[in-house]
Structures are given as C-alpha cells and as structure tokens.
Amino acid sequence: MKPIEFRDGAVQVDASLIAEGLGIALPLLRKQMQAGEITSLSERGIDADGGRHRLTFFSGHRRFRLVVDESGAIIQRSALDFGNSPLPKSVRKPGG
C-alpha cells in the first residue's frame, strides 16, 4: 500500500504516517484510535483547490494535517502541538 490511497470513495492513510505526524508510537496510535481519542477530518478542495484533499488528524493536544493530490502524493504537511494544553476548538473546525 502507498502511504495514501483513494479506494471506492474512501481515503486510506498508512497508520505509521499518522503516528509520525502526531508524534506517538504506532501501538499507542492504534490504541487511541480504538478508544476514539484520535479523530480525523477529510475535506475535498473546490475551485482553485480542485483535485486536492486536506486530511487532518487530531489527538488531545496535537493536530497533524496533510494536503494531497488525487494520486495521494503529499503536497504539504504540518503539525501543531499545544504541549500540555488541549487543542482549541478553533483548530478542530473545517478549513481552520
């Protein structure tokens, strides 16, 4: 599997890529995902951003975002870490 693939209208992202972006070990990522402590948001670009997708992953204090093209190639990646503070609600909004 490539790190990011689109299949049947769904996005599949390699868990190790998410774990690295959130700064946690893969086993902990899996545990937190099963517990609902890691959430995600997928947005499809329109107009000038057509053909792009923004994939955002949230943990208690960190946000990891990928912007990818239709083939799954990473165009941009970024992470915000709020240390001991929880993520502000504004960081969890689409487009934010």
PDB file of N, CA and C in Angstrom:
ATOM      1  N   MET A   1       0.835  -1.186   0.000  1.00  0.00           N
ATOM      2  CA  MET A   1       0.000   0.000   0.000  1.00  0.00           C
ATOM      3  C   MET A   1       0.877   1.246   0.000  1.00  0.00           C
ATOM      4  N   LYS A   2       0.476   2.227  -0.799  1.00  0.00           N
ATOM      5  CA  LYS A   2       1.137   3.525  -0.766  1.00  0.00           C
ATOM      6  C   LYS A   2       0.725   4.225   0.533  1.00  0.00           C
ATOM      7  N   PRO A   3       1.468   5.234   0.964  1.00  0.00           N
ATOM      8  CA  PRO A   3       1.108   5.913   2.216  1.00  0.00           C
ATOM      9  C   PRO A   3      -0.325   6.471   2.218  1.00  0.00           C
ATOM     10  N   ILE A   4      -0.806   6.949   1.055  1.00  0.00           N
ATOM     11  CA  ILE A   4      -2.165   7.482   0.963  1.00  0.00           C
ATOM     12  C   ILE A   4      -2.786   6.972  -0.328  1.00  0.00           C
ATOM     13  N   GLU A   5      -3.963   6.361  -0.197  1.00  0.00           N
ATOM     14  CA  GLU A   5      -4.667   5.830  -1.364  1.00  0.00           C
ATOM     15  C   GLU A   5      -6.148   6.191  -1.282  1.00  0.00           C
ATOM     16  N   PHE A   6      -6.744   6.350  -2.447  1.00  0.00           N
ATOM     17  CA  PHE A   6      -8.181   6.574  -2.556  1.00  0.00           C
ATOM     18  C   PHE A   6      -8.782   5.318  -3.160  1.00  0.00           C
ATOM     19  N   ARG A   7      -9.750   4.721  -2.449  1.00  0.00           N
ATOM     20  CA  ARG A   7     -10.405   3.490  -2.922  1.00  0.00           C
ATOM     21  C   ARG A   7     -11.897   3.578  -2.638  1.00  0.00           C
ATOM     22  N   ASP A   8     -12.676   3.355  -3.662  1.00  0.00           N
ATOM     23  CA  ASP A   8     -14.128   3.293  -3.512  1.00  0.00           C
ATOM     24  C   ASP A   8     -14.687   4.486  -2.728  1.00  0.00           C
ATOM     25  N   GLY A   9     -14.183   5.676  -3.011  1.00  0.00           N
ATOM     26  CA  GLY A   9     -14.681   6.879  -2.351  1.00  0.00           C
ATOM     27  C   GLY A   9     -14.156   7.105  -0.948  1.00  0.00           C
ATOM     28  N   ALA A  10     -13.258   6.250  -0.482  1.00  0.00           N
ATOM     29  CA  ALA A  10     -12.686   6.383   0.861  1.00  0.00           C
ATOM     30  C   ALA A  10     -11.193   6.679   0.757  1.00  0.00           C
ATOM     31  N   VAL A  11     -10.672   7.320   1.777  1.00  0.00           N
ATOM     32  CA  VAL A  11      -9.244   7.617   1.856  1.00  0.00           C
ATOM     33  C   VAL A  11      -8.613   6.647   2.839  1.00  0.00           C
ATOM     34  N   GLN A  12      -7.514   6.027   2.441  1.00  0.00           N
ATOM     35  CA  GLN A  12      -6.761   5.150   3.327  1.00  0.00           C
ATOM     36  C   GLN A  12      -5.383   5.752   3.534  1.00  0.00           C
ATOM     37  N   VAL A  13      -5.032   5.950   4.794  1.00  0.00           N
ATOM     38  CA  VAL A  13      -3.741   6.542   5.142  1.00  0.00           C
ATOM     39  C   VAL A  13      -2.975   5.546   5.996  1.00  0.00           C
ATOM     40  N   ASP A  14      -1.717   5.314   5.643  1.00  0.00           N
ATOM     41  CA  ASP A  14      -0.862   4.400   6.399  1.00  0.00           C
ATOM     42  C   ASP A  14      -0.767   4.901   7.847  1.00  0.00           C
ATOM     43  N   ALA A  15      -1.043   4.024   8.786  1.00  0.00           N
ATOM     44  CA  ALA A  15      -1.052   4.389  10.203  1.00  0.00           C
ATOM     45  C   ALA A  15       0.297   4.917  10.676  1.00  0.00           C
ATOM     46  N   SER A  16       1.393   4.420  10.121  1.00  0.00           N
ATOM     47  CA  SER A  16       2.711   4.896  10.562  1.00  0.00           C
ATOM     48  C   SER A  16       2.920   6.361  10.190  1.00  0.00           C
ATOM     49  N   LEU A  17       2.327   6.816   9.090  1.00  0.00           N
ATOM     50  CA  LEU A  17       2.412   8.221   8.695  1.00  0.00           C
ATOM     51  C   LEU A  17       1.663   9.100   9.701  1.00  0.00           C
ATOM     52  N   ILE A  18       0.504   8.646  10.133  1.00  0.00           N
ATOM     53  CA  ILE A  18      -0.278   9.396  11.122  1.00  0.00           C
ATOM     54  C   ILE A  18       0.448   9.418  12.467  1.00  0.00           C
ATOM     55  N   ALA A  19       0.960   8.268  12.885  1.00  0.00           N
ATOM     56  CA  ALA A  19       1.675   8.186  14.162  1.00  0.00           C
ATOM     57  C   ALA A  19       2.867   9.135  14.175  1.00  0.00           C
ATOM     58  N   GLU A  20       3.620   9.142  13.086  1.00  0.00           N
ATOM     59  CA  GLU A  20       4.772  10.046  12.992  1.00  0.00           C
ATOM     60  C   GLU A  20       4.320  11.498  13.079  1.00  0.00           C
ATOM     61  N   GLY A  21       3.261  11.850  12.354  1.00  0.00           N
ATOM     62  CA  GLY A  21       2.772  13.224  12.355  1.00  0.00           C
ATOM     63  C   GLY A  21       2.257  13.681  13.703  1.00  0.00           C
ATOM     64  N   LEU A  22       1.649  12.752  14.451  1.00  0.00           N
ATOM     65  CA  LEU A  22       1.150  13.100  15.781  1.00  0.00           C
ATOM     66  C   LEU A  22       2.207  12.934  16.862  1.00  0.00           C
ATOM     67  N   GLY A  23       3.367  12.404  16.483  1.00  0.00           N
ATOM     68  CA  GLY A  23       4.469  12.260  17.437  1.00  0.00           C
ATOM     69  C   GLY A  23       4.236  11.185  18.480  1.00  0.00           C
ATOM     70  N   ILE A  24       3.562  10.080  18.079  1.00  0.00           N
ATOM     71  CA  ILE A  24       3.321   8.993  19.020  1.00  0.00           C
ATOM     72  C   ILE A  24       3.718   7.663  18.377  1.00  0.00           C
ATOM     73  N   ALA A  25       3.925   6.676  19.218  1.00  0.00           N
ATOM     74  CA  ALA A  25       4.290   5.344  18.731  1.00  0.00           C
ATOM     75  C   ALA A  25       3.080   4.681  18.076  1.00  0.00           C
ATOM     76  N   LEU A  26       3.335   3.853  17.088  1.00  0.00           N
ATOM     77  CA  LEU A  26       2.276   3.188  16.338  1.00  0.00           C
ATOM     78  C   LEU A  26       1.320   2.387  17.233  1.00  0.00           C
ATOM     79  N   PRO A  27       1.818   1.591  18.199  1.00  0.00           N
ATOM     80  CA  PRO A  27       0.877   0.859  19.057  1.00  0.00           C
ATOM     81  C   PRO A  27      -0.045   1.793  19.859  1.00  0.00           C
ATOM     82  N   LEU A  28       0.488   2.933  20.292  1.00  0.00           N
ATOM     83  CA  LEU A  28      -0.326   3.898  21.029  1.00  0.00           C
ATOM     84  C   LEU A  28      -1.357   4.532  20.106  1.00  0.00           C
ATOM     85  N   LEU A  29      -0.981   4.815  18.857  1.00  0.00           N
ATOM     86  CA  LEU A  29      -1.930   5.354  17.887  1.00  0.00           C
ATOM     87  C   LEU A  29      -3.110   4.405  17.736  1.00  0.00           C
ATOM     88  N   ARG A  30      -2.823   3.138  17.534  1.00  0.00           N
ATOM     89  CA  ARG A  30      -3.887   2.150  17.347  1.00  0.00           C
ATOM     90  C   ARG A  30      -4.809   2.094  18.571  1.00  0.00           C
ATOM     91  N   LYS A  31      -4.204   2.100  19.749  1.00  0.00           N
ATOM     92  CA  LYS A  31      -4.985   2.054  20.993  1.00  0.00           C
ATOM     93  C   LYS A  31      -5.870   3.297  21.107  1.00  0.00           C
ATOM     94  N   GLN A  32      -5.306   4.471  20.831  1.00  0.00           N
ATOM     95  CA  GLN A  32      -6.068   5.710  20.952  1.00  0.00           C
ATOM     96  C   GLN A  32      -7.152   5.812  19.876  1.00  0.00           C
ATOM     97  N   MET A  33      -6.892   5.285  18.687  1.00  0.00           N
ATOM     98  CA  MET A  33      -7.916   5.288  17.639  1.00  0.00           C
ATOM     99  C   MET A  33      -9.086   4.392  18.049  1.00  0.00           C
ATOM    100  N   GLN A  34      -8.797   3.227  18.586  1.00  0.00           N
ATOM    101  CA  GLN A  34      -9.854   2.315  19.020  1.00  0.00           C
ATOM    102  C   GLN A  34     -10.680   2.926  20.147  1.00  0.00           C
ATOM    103  N   ALA A  35     -10.048   3.737  20.980  1.00  0.00           N
ATOM    104  CA  ALA A  35     -10.737   4.383  22.096  1.00  0.00           C
ATOM    105  C   ALA A  35     -11.443   5.678  21.669  1.00  0.00           C
ATOM    106  N   GLY A  36     -11.290   6.080  20.404  1.00  0.00           N
ATOM    107  CA  GLY A  36     -11.908   7.309  19.926  1.00  0.00           C
ATOM    108  C   GLY A  36     -11.170   8.569  20.341  1.00  0.00           C
ATOM    109  N   GLU A  37      -9.922   8.415  20.778  1.00  0.00           N
ATOM    110  CA  GLU A  37      -9.129   9.562  21.228  1.00  0.00           C
ATOM    111  C   GLU A  37      -8.391  10.243  20.079  1.00  0.00           C
ATOM    112  N   ILE A  38      -8.307   9.584  18.947  1.00  0.00           N
ATOM    113  CA  ILE A  38      -7.750  10.160  17.724  1.00  0.00           C
ATOM    114  C   ILE A  38      -8.918  10.280  16.754  1.00  0.00           C
ATOM    115  N   THR A  39      -9.131  11.468  16.251  1.00  0.00           N
ATOM    116  CA  THR A  39     -10.211  11.688  15.293  1.00  0.00           C
ATOM    117  C   THR A  39      -9.628  12.292  14.027  1.00  0.00           C
ATOM    118  N   SER A  40     -10.458  12.342  12.982  1.00  0.00           N
ATOM    119  CA  SER A  40      -9.956  12.860  11.712  1.00  0.00           C
ATOM    120  C   SER A  40     -11.042  13.631  10.977  1.00  0.00           C
ATOM    121  N   LEU A  41     -10.600  14.395   9.999  1.00  0.00           N
ATOM    122  CA  LEU A  41     -11.479  15.178   9.144  1.00  0.00           C
ATOM    123  C   LEU A  41     -10.899  15.133   7.745  1.00  0.00           C
ATOM    124  N   SER A  42     -11.741  14.857   6.759  1.00  0.00           N
ATOM    125  CA  SER A  42     -11.315  14.823   5.364  1.00  0.00           C
ATOM    126  C   SER A  42     -12.102  15.877   4.597  1.00  0.00           C
ATOM    127  N   GLU A  43     -11.381  16.731   3.861  1.00  0.00           N
ATOM    128  CA  GLU A  43     -12.024  17.786   3.083  1.00  0.00           C
ATOM    129  C   GLU A  43     -11.540  17.701   1.641  1.00  0.00           C
ATOM    130  N   ARG A  44     -12.447  17.907   0.715  1.00  0.00           N
ATOM    131  CA  ARG A  44     -12.121  17.877  -0.714  1.00  0.00           C
ATOM    132  C   ARG A  44     -12.089  19.311  -1.220  1.00  0.00           C
ATOM    133  N   GLY A  45     -11.021  19.668  -1.936  1.00  0.00           N
ATOM    134  CA  GLY A  45     -10.877  21.016  -2.461  1.00  0.00           C
ATOM    135  C   GLY A  45     -11.859  21.313  -3.590  1.00  0.00           C
ATOM    136  N   ILE A  46     -12.229  22.574  -3.719  1.00  0.00           N
ATOM    137  CA  ILE A  46     -13.086  23.029  -4.812  1.00  0.00           C
ATOM    138  C   ILE A  46     -12.418  24.210  -5.497  1.00  0.00           C
ATOM    139  N   ASP A  47     -12.920  24.566  -6.667  1.00  0.00           N
ATOM    140  CA  ASP A  47     -12.411  25.695  -7.453  1.00  0.00           C
ATOM    141  C   ASP A  47     -10.900  25.585  -7.630  1.00  0.00           C
ATOM    142  N   ALA A  48     -10.148  26.569  -7.158  1.00  0.00           N
ATOM    143  CA  ALA A  48      -8.694  26.582  -7.350  1.00  0.00           C
ATOM    144  C   ALA A  48      -8.006  25.399  -6.663  1.00  0.00           C
ATOM    145  N   ASP A  49      -8.662  24.818  -5.662  1.00  0.00           N
ATOM    146  CA  ASP A  49      -8.089  23.679  -4.935  1.00  0.00           C
ATOM    147  C   ASP A  49      -8.667  22.344  -5.405  1.00  0.00           C
ATOM    148  N   GLY A  50      -9.388  22.347  -6.518  1.00  0.00           N
ATOM    149  CA  GLY A  50      -9.952  21.114  -7.054  1.00  0.00           C
ATOM    150  C   GLY A  50      -8.865  20.073  -7.281  1.00  0.00           C
ATOM    151  N   GLY A  51      -9.167  18.832  -6.961  1.00  0.00           N
ATOM    152  CA  GLY A  51      -8.188  17.758  -7.102  1.00  0.00           C
ATOM    153  C   GLY A  51      -7.310  17.574  -5.882  1.00  0.00           C
ATOM    154  N   ARG A  52      -7.468  18.435  -4.891  1.00  0.00           N
ATOM    155  CA  ARG A  52      -6.694  18.313  -3.647  1.00  0.00           C
ATOM    156  C   ARG A  52      -7.605  17.854  -2.521  1.00  0.00           C
ATOM    157  N   HIS A  53      -6.992  17.237  -1.531  1.00  0.00           N
ATOM    158  CA  HIS A  53      -7.706  16.784  -0.340  1.00  0.00           C
ATOM    159  C   HIS A  53      -6.891  17.223   0.875  1.00  0.00           C
ATOM    160  N   ARG A  54      -7.598  17.694   1.899  1.00  0.00           N
ATOM    161  CA  ARG A  54      -6.933  18.038   3.169  1.00  0.00           C
ATOM    162  C   ARG A  54      -7.384  17.014   4.195  1.00  0.00           C
ATOM    163  N   LEU A  55      -6.428  16.299   4.739  1.00  0.00           N
ATOM    164  CA  LEU A  55      -6.670  15.240   5.720  1.00  0.00           C
ATOM    165  C   LEU A  55      -6.096  15.701   7.050  1.00  0.00           C
ATOM    166  N   THR A  56      -6.930  15.802   8.060  1.00  0.00           N
ATOM    167  CA  THR A  56      -6.495  16.325   9.348  1.00  0.00           C
ATOM    168  C   THR A  56      -6.769  15.293  10.430  1.00  0.00           C
ATOM    169  N   PHE A  57      -5.784  15.090  11.295  1.00  0.00           N
ATOM    170  CA  PHE A  57      -5.874  14.121  12.385  1.00  0.00           C
ATOM    171  C   PHE A  57      -5.657  14.864  13.696  1.00  0.00           C
ATOM    172  N   PHE A  58      -6.491  14.551  14.686  1.00  0.00           N
ATOM    173  CA  PHE A  58      -6.461  15.247  15.970  1.00  0.00           C
ATOM    174  C   PHE A  58      -6.202  14.271  17.103  1.00  0.00           C
ATOM    175  N   SER A  59      -5.339  14.682  18.025  1.00  0.00           N
ATOM    176  CA  SER A  59      -5.183  13.964  19.289  1.00  0.00           C
ATOM    177  C   SER A  59      -5.524  14.978  20.377  1.00  0.00           C
ATOM    178  N   GLY A  60      -5.325  14.618  21.616  1.00  0.00           N
ATOM    179  CA  GLY A  60      -5.682  15.515  22.712  1.00  0.00           C
ATOM    180  C   GLY A  60      -5.014  16.876  22.648  1.00  0.00           C
ATOM    181  N   HIS A  61      -3.780  16.924  22.181  1.00  0.00           N
ATOM    182  CA  HIS A  61      -3.033  18.181  22.189  1.00  0.00           C
ATOM    183  C   HIS A  61      -2.317  18.479  20.867  1.00  0.00           C
ATOM    184  N   ARG A  62      -2.559  17.682  19.854  1.00  0.00           N
ATOM    185  CA  ARG A  62      -1.804  17.844  18.607  1.00  0.00           C
ATOM    186  C   ARG A  62      -2.722  17.689  17.394  1.00  0.00           C
ATOM    187  N   ARG A  63      -2.421  18.480  16.347  1.00  0.00           N
ATOM    188  CA  ARG A  63      -3.118  18.358  15.070  1.00  0.00           C
ATOM    189  C   ARG A  63      -2.080  18.095  13.994  1.00  0.00           C
ATOM    190  N   PHE A  64      -2.339  17.100  13.150  1.00  0.00           N
ATOM    191  CA  PHE A  64      -1.473  16.761  12.029  1.00  0.00           C
ATOM    192  C   PHE A  64      -2.307  16.869  10.765  1.00  0.00           C
ATOM    193  N   ARG A  65      -1.793  17.606   9.783  1.00  0.00           N
ATOM    194  CA  ARG A  65      -2.555  17.843   8.555  1.00  0.00           C
ATOM    195  C   ARG A  65      -1.716  17.514   7.336  1.00  0.00           C
ATOM    196  N   LEU A  66      -2.375  16.865   6.382  1.00  0.00           N
ATOM    197  CA  LEU A  66      -1.776  16.560   5.087  1.00  0.00           C
ATOM    198  C   LEU A  66      -2.648  17.164   3.996  1.00  0.00           C
ATOM    199  N   VAL A  67      -2.014  17.772   3.003  1.00  0.00           N
ATOM    200  CA  VAL A  67      -2.699  18.172   1.784  1.00  0.00           C
ATOM    201  C   VAL A  67      -2.117  17.284   0.703  1.00  0.00           C
ATOM    202  N   VAL A  68      -3.009  16.570  -0.005  1.00  0.00           N
ATOM    203  CA  VAL A  68      -2.569  15.611  -1.013  1.00  0.00           C
ATOM    204  C   VAL A  68      -3.306  15.853  -2.320  1.00  0.00           C
ATOM    205  N   ASP A  69      -2.709  15.370  -3.411  1.00  0.00           N
ATOM    206  CA  ASP A  69      -3.391  15.455  -4.705  1.00  0.00           C
ATOM    207  C   ASP A  69      -4.196  14.182  -4.921  1.00  0.00           C
ATOM    208  N   GLU A  70      -4.848  14.081  -6.074  1.00  0.00           N
ATOM    209  CA  GLU A  70      -5.726  12.942  -6.354  1.00  0.00           C
ATOM    210  C   GLU A  70      -5.008  11.601  -6.406  1.00  0.00           C
ATOM    211  N   SER A  71      -3.691  11.635  -6.652  1.00  0.00           N
ATOM    212  CA  SER A  71      -2.931  10.384  -6.684  1.00  0.00           C
ATOM    213  C   SER A  71      -2.453   9.966  -5.294  1.00  0.00           C
ATOM    214  N   GLY A  72      -2.668  10.834  -4.292  1.00  0.00           N
ATOM    215  CA  GLY A  72      -2.216  10.547  -2.936  1.00  0.00           C
ATOM    216  C   GLY A  72      -0.846  11.112  -2.621  1.00  0.00           C
ATOM    217  N   ALA A  73      -0.241  11.843  -3.574  1.00  0.00           N
ATOM    218  CA  ALA A  73       1.068  12.460  -3.321  1.00  0.00           C
ATOM    219  C   ALA A  73       0.903  13.609  -2.327  1.00  0.00           C
ATOM    220  N   ILE A  74       1.789  13.661  -1.346  1.00  0.00           N
ATOM    221  CA  ILE A  74       1.728  14.707  -0.325  1.00  0.00           C
ATOM    222  C   ILE A  74       2.263  16.011  -0.905  1.00  0.00           C
ATOM    223  N   ILE A  75       1.432  17.036  -0.848  1.00  0.00           N
ATOM    224  CA  ILE A  75       1.805  18.372  -1.309  1.00  0.00           C
ATOM    225  C   ILE A  75       2.317  19.197  -0.131  1.00  0.00           C
ATOM    226  N   GLN A  76       1.674  19.025   1.002  1.00  0.00           N
ATOM    227  CA  GLN A  76       2.036  19.800   2.196  1.00  0.00           C
ATOM    228  C   GLN A  76       1.706  18.987   3.435  1.00  0.00           C
ATOM    229  N   ARG A  77       2.509  19.151   4.464  1.00  0.00           N
ATOM    230  CA  ARG A  77       2.219  18.529   5.751  1.00  0.00           C
ATOM    231  C   ARG A  77       2.567  19.515   6.847  1.00  0.00           C
ATOM    232  N   SER A  78       1.786  19.501   7.908  1.00  0.00           N
ATOM    233  CA  SER A  78       2.030  20.411   9.020  1.00  0.00           C
ATOM    234  C   SER A  78       1.513  19.777  10.305  1.00  0.00           C
ATOM    235  N   ALA A  79       2.061  20.234  11.410  1.00  0.00           N
ATOM    236  CA  ALA A  79       1.628  19.757  12.719  1.00  0.00           C
ATOM    237  C   ALA A  79       1.626  20.924  13.695  1.00  0.00           C
ATOM    238  N   LEU A  80       0.638  20.941  14.554  1.00  0.00           N
ATOM    239  CA  LEU A  80       0.566  21.897  15.659  1.00  0.00           C
ATOM    240  C   LEU A  80       0.587  21.100  16.947  1.00  0.00           C
ATOM    241  N   ASP A  81       1.381  21.535  17.894  1.00  0.00           N
ATOM    242  CA  ASP A  81       1.468  20.857  19.188  1.00  0.00           C
ATOM    243  C   ASP A  81       1.242  21.895  20.275  1.00  0.00           C
ATOM    244  N   PHE A  82       0.212  21.707  21.082  1.00  0.00           N
ATOM    245  CA  PHE A  82      -0.118  22.648  22.142  1.00  0.00           C
ATOM    246  C   PHE A  82       0.412  22.191  23.492  1.00  0.00           C
ATOM    247  N   GLY A  83       1.388  21.297  23.479  1.00  0.00           N
ATOM    248  CA  GLY A  83       2.032  20.857  24.717  1.00  0.00           C
ATOM    249  C   GLY A  83       1.048  20.234  25.689  1.00  0.00           C
ATOM    250  N   ASN A  84       0.959  20.776  26.887  1.00  0.00           N
ATOM    251  CA  ASN A  84       0.074  20.226  27.915  1.00  0.00           C
ATOM    252  C   ASN A  84      -1.354  20.741  27.803  1.00  0.00           C
ATOM    253  N   SER A  85      -1.592  21.703  26.914  1.00  0.00           N
ATOM    254  CA  SER A  85      -2.934  22.264  26.744  1.00  0.00           C
ATOM    255  C   SER A  85      -3.698  21.489  25.677  1.00  0.00           C
ATOM    256  N   PRO A  86      -5.003  21.361  25.861  1.00  0.00           N
ATOM    257  CA  PRO A  86      -5.795  20.695  24.817  1.00  0.00           C
ATOM    258  C   PRO A  86      -5.899  21.572  23.575  1.00  0.00           C
ATOM    259  N   LEU A  87      -6.217  20.961  22.447  1.00  0.00           N
ATOM    260  CA  LEU A  87      -6.394  21.725  21.217  1.00  0.00           C
ATOM    261  C   LEU A  87      -7.549  22.698  21.380  1.00  0.00           C
ATOM    262  N   PRO A  88      -7.379  23.943  20.964  1.00  0.00           N
ATOM    263  CA  PRO A  88      -8.515  24.874  20.980  1.00  0.00           C
ATOM    264  C   PRO A  88      -9.582  24.413  19.990  1.00  0.00           C
ATOM    265  N   LYS A  89     -10.841  24.723  20.270  1.00  0.00           N
ATOM    266  CA  LYS A  89     -11.932  24.316  19.381  1.00  0.00           C
ATOM    267  C   LYS A  89     -11.753  24.887  17.984  1.00  0.00           C
ATOM    268  N   SER A  90     -11.164  26.073  17.877  1.00  0.00           N
ATOM    269  CA  SER A  90     -10.982  26.699  16.560  1.00  0.00           C
ATOM    270  C   SER A  90     -10.064  25.882  15.671  1.00  0.00           C
ATOM    271  N   VAL A  91      -9.173  25.097  16.225  1.00  0.00           N
ATOM    272  CA  VAL A  91      -8.242  24.279  15.456  1.00  0.00           C
ATOM    273  C   VAL A  91      -8.950  23.049  14.883  1.00  0.00           C
ATOM    274  N   ARG A  92     -10.082  22.684  15.440  1.00  0.00           N
ATOM    275  CA  ARG A  92     -10.824  21.499  15.010  1.00  0.00           C
ATOM    276  C   ARG A  92     -11.859  21.795  13.918  1.00  0.00           C
ATOM    277  N   LYS A  93     -12.037  23.052  13.536  1.00  0.00           N
ATOM    278  CA  LYS A  93     -13.035  23.410  12.538  1.00  0.00           C
ATOM    279  C   LYS A  93     -12.538  23.111  11.130  1.00  0.00           C
ATOM    280  N   PRO A  94     -13.447  22.703  10.238  1.00  0.00           N
ATOM    281  CA  PRO A  94     -13.050  22.526   8.829  1.00  0.00           C
ATOM    282  C   PRO A  94     -12.476  23.826   8.286  1.00  0.00           C
ATOM    283  N   GLY A  95     -11.438  23.698   7.490  1.00  0.00           N
ATOM    284  CA  GLY A  95     -10.809  24.861   6.882  1.00  0.00           C
ATOM    285  C   GLY A  95      -9.911  25.627   7.824  1.00  0.00           C
ATOM    286  N   GLY A  96      -9.875  25.270   9.103  1.00  0.00           N
ATOM    287  CA  GLY A  96      -9.107  26.003  10.091  1.00  0.00           C
ATOM    288  C   GLY A  96      -7.665  25.644  10.152  1.00  0.00           C
TER     289      GLY A  96
END
